[in-house]
């Protein structure tokens, strides 16, 4: 085994992480809308966190 992931496996991993990130985003947004007094600031922070996660995943899959 070469130690590298084939294209199909990378796509499956990418899809799985995207599903997990979406669920995380929905859960966080629910909490923000229920309990936050600063929606815009918290939404921006959430968007930044999600972008960082996606970026890290892509780097790992390179």
N, C-alpha and C. Protein backbone atom coordinates (compact mmCIF):
# COMPACT_ATOMS: atom_id res chain seq x y z
N UNK A 1 0.85 -1.19 0.00
CA UNK A 1 0.00 0.00 0.00
C UNK A 1 0.88 1.24 0.00
N UNK A 2 0.54 2.19 -0.82
CA UNK A 2 1.40 3.35 -1.02
C UNK A 2 1.30 4.38 0.10
N UNK A 3 0.29 4.31 0.93
CA UNK A 3 0.15 5.29 2.00
C UNK A 3 -0.61 6.54 1.58
N UNK A 4 -1.01 6.61 0.35
CA UNK A 4 -1.79 7.75 -0.12
C UNK A 4 -3.24 7.33 -0.34
N UNK A 5 -4.13 8.28 -0.18
CA UNK A 5 -5.55 7.99 -0.41
C UNK A 5 -5.88 8.17 -1.87
N UNK A 6 -6.66 7.25 -2.42
CA UNK A 6 -7.07 7.42 -3.80
C UNK A 6 -8.16 8.48 -3.88
N UNK A 7 -8.43 8.91 -5.09
CA UNK A 7 -9.37 10.00 -5.32
C UNK A 7 -10.76 9.71 -4.75
N UNK A 8 -11.25 8.50 -4.94
CA UNK A 8 -12.58 8.16 -4.45
C UNK A 8 -12.65 8.24 -2.93
N UNK A 9 -11.63 7.73 -2.25
CA UNK A 9 -11.60 7.80 -0.78
C UNK A 9 -11.55 9.25 -0.31
N UNK A 10 -10.76 10.08 -0.98
CA UNK A 10 -10.68 11.49 -0.61
C UNK A 10 -12.04 12.16 -0.75
N UNK A 11 -12.76 11.85 -1.81
CA UNK A 11 -14.08 12.43 -2.02
C UNK A 11 -15.07 11.97 -0.94
N UNK A 12 -14.99 10.71 -0.57
CA UNK A 12 -15.87 10.19 0.49
C UNK A 12 -15.56 10.87 1.82
N UNK A 13 -14.30 11.05 2.12
CA UNK A 13 -13.90 11.73 3.36
C UNK A 13 -14.37 13.18 3.33
N UNK A 14 -14.17 13.83 2.21
CA UNK A 14 -14.59 15.23 2.04
C UNK A 14 -16.10 15.36 2.25
N UNK A 15 -16.87 14.46 1.66
CA UNK A 15 -18.33 14.49 1.81
C UNK A 15 -18.74 14.28 3.26
N UNK A 16 -18.11 13.32 3.93
CA UNK A 16 -18.41 13.05 5.33
C UNK A 16 -18.11 14.28 6.20
N UNK A 17 -16.95 14.87 6.02
CA UNK A 17 -16.62 16.05 6.80
C UNK A 17 -17.55 17.21 6.49
N UNK A 18 -17.95 17.37 5.24
CA UNK A 18 -18.89 18.44 4.90
C UNK A 18 -20.24 18.22 5.59
N UNK A 19 -20.68 16.98 5.68
CA UNK A 19 -21.92 16.68 6.40
C UNK A 19 -21.78 17.01 7.88
N UNK A 20 -20.66 16.61 8.47
CA UNK A 20 -20.41 16.91 9.88
C UNK A 20 -20.33 18.41 10.14
N UNK A 21 -19.64 19.12 9.26
CA UNK A 21 -19.53 20.57 9.41
C UNK A 21 -20.90 21.22 9.29
N UNK A 22 -21.72 20.75 8.36
CA UNK A 22 -23.06 21.32 8.21
C UNK A 22 -23.89 21.11 9.48
N UNK A 23 -23.82 19.92 10.05
CA UNK A 23 -24.55 19.66 11.29
C UNK A 23 -24.03 20.54 12.43
N UNK A 24 -22.72 20.69 12.50
CA UNK A 24 -22.12 21.57 13.51
C UNK A 24 -22.61 23.01 13.32
N UNK A 25 -22.60 23.47 12.07
CA UNK A 25 -23.02 24.83 11.77
C UNK A 25 -24.49 25.04 12.17
N UNK A 26 -25.35 24.09 11.84
CA UNK A 26 -26.76 24.21 12.19
C UNK A 26 -26.96 24.25 13.70
N UNK A 27 -26.23 23.39 14.42
CA UNK A 27 -26.35 23.35 15.88
C UNK A 27 -25.85 24.65 16.50
N UNK A 28 -24.71 25.12 16.04
CA UNK A 28 -24.16 26.37 16.57
C UNK A 28 -25.08 27.55 16.27
N UNK A 29 -25.63 27.58 15.06
CA UNK A 29 -26.52 28.68 14.69
C UNK A 29 -27.78 28.67 15.57
N UNK A 30 -28.27 27.50 15.88
CA UNK A 30 -29.43 27.38 16.77
C UNK A 30 -29.10 27.98 18.14
N UNK A 31 -27.95 27.65 18.67
CA UNK A 31 -27.54 28.19 19.96
C UNK A 31 -27.37 29.71 19.87
N UNK A 32 -26.74 30.17 18.80
CA UNK A 32 -26.52 31.61 18.63
C UNK A 32 -27.85 32.36 18.59
N UNK A 33 -28.80 31.85 17.80
CA UNK A 33 -30.06 32.57 17.67
C UNK A 33 -30.88 32.53 18.95
N UNK A 34 -30.70 31.49 19.75
CA UNK A 34 -31.45 31.37 21.00
C UNK A 34 -30.86 32.20 22.13
N UNK A 35 -29.53 32.26 22.21
CA UNK A 35 -28.90 32.78 23.41
C UNK A 35 -27.97 33.98 23.21
N UNK A 36 -27.66 34.31 21.99
CA UNK A 36 -26.67 35.36 21.76
C UNK A 36 -27.30 36.74 21.74
N UNK A 37 -26.60 37.68 22.30
CA UNK A 37 -27.02 39.07 22.22
C UNK A 37 -26.32 39.81 21.11
N UNK A 38 -25.42 39.12 20.41
CA UNK A 38 -24.63 39.74 19.35
C UNK A 38 -24.58 38.82 18.13
N UNK A 39 -25.69 38.71 17.44
CA UNK A 39 -25.85 37.76 16.34
C UNK A 39 -24.82 37.93 15.24
N UNK A 40 -24.63 39.16 14.77
CA UNK A 40 -23.71 39.38 13.65
C UNK A 40 -22.29 38.96 14.00
N UNK A 41 -21.83 39.32 15.17
CA UNK A 41 -20.48 38.98 15.61
C UNK A 41 -20.33 37.47 15.75
N UNK A 42 -21.29 36.83 16.37
CA UNK A 42 -21.22 35.38 16.57
C UNK A 42 -21.34 34.62 15.25
N UNK A 43 -22.18 35.11 14.34
CA UNK A 43 -22.31 34.46 13.03
C UNK A 43 -21.00 34.55 12.26
N UNK A 44 -20.34 35.70 12.32
CA UNK A 44 -19.05 35.87 11.64
C UNK A 44 -18.02 34.92 12.23
N UNK A 45 -17.99 34.79 13.54
CA UNK A 45 -17.06 33.88 14.20
C UNK A 45 -17.33 32.44 13.76
N UNK A 46 -18.59 32.06 13.69
CA UNK A 46 -18.96 30.72 13.25
C UNK A 46 -18.51 30.48 11.81
N UNK A 47 -18.73 31.44 10.93
CA UNK A 47 -18.31 31.31 9.53
C UNK A 47 -16.80 31.17 9.42
N UNK A 48 -16.06 31.94 10.23
CA UNK A 48 -14.61 31.84 10.23
C UNK A 48 -14.15 30.46 10.71
N UNK A 49 -14.78 29.96 11.77
CA UNK A 49 -14.44 28.64 12.29
C UNK A 49 -14.67 27.55 11.25
N UNK A 50 -15.77 27.63 10.55
CA UNK A 50 -16.11 26.63 9.54
C UNK A 50 -15.13 26.70 8.38
N UNK A 51 -14.76 27.90 7.97
CA UNK A 51 -13.78 28.05 6.89
C UNK A 51 -12.44 27.45 7.30
N UNK A 52 -12.04 27.65 8.53
CA UNK A 52 -10.79 27.06 9.03
C UNK A 52 -10.86 25.54 9.00
N UNK A 53 -12.00 24.98 9.41
CA UNK A 53 -12.16 23.52 9.39
C UNK A 53 -12.04 22.98 7.97
N UNK A 54 -12.73 23.62 7.06
CA UNK A 54 -12.69 23.16 5.66
C UNK A 54 -11.29 23.25 5.09
N UNK A 55 -10.61 24.33 5.42
CA UNK A 55 -9.24 24.51 4.94
C UNK A 55 -8.32 23.43 5.49
N UNK A 56 -8.45 23.12 6.76
CA UNK A 56 -7.63 22.07 7.38
C UNK A 56 -7.89 20.71 6.74
N UNK A 57 -9.16 20.43 6.48
CA UNK A 57 -9.51 19.16 5.84
C UNK A 57 -8.88 19.06 4.47
N UNK A 58 -8.99 20.14 3.69
CA UNK A 58 -8.41 20.13 2.34
C UNK A 58 -6.89 19.93 2.38
N UNK A 59 -6.23 20.57 3.33
CA UNK A 59 -4.78 20.40 3.45
C UNK A 59 -4.43 18.96 3.79
N UNK A 60 -5.21 18.34 4.66
CA UNK A 60 -4.96 16.96 5.03
C UNK A 60 -5.18 16.00 3.85
N UNK A 61 -6.08 16.37 2.96
CA UNK A 61 -6.41 15.49 1.84
C UNK A 61 -5.54 15.75 0.61
N UNK A 62 -4.65 16.69 0.67
CA UNK A 62 -3.78 16.97 -0.48
C UNK A 62 -2.84 15.83 -0.76
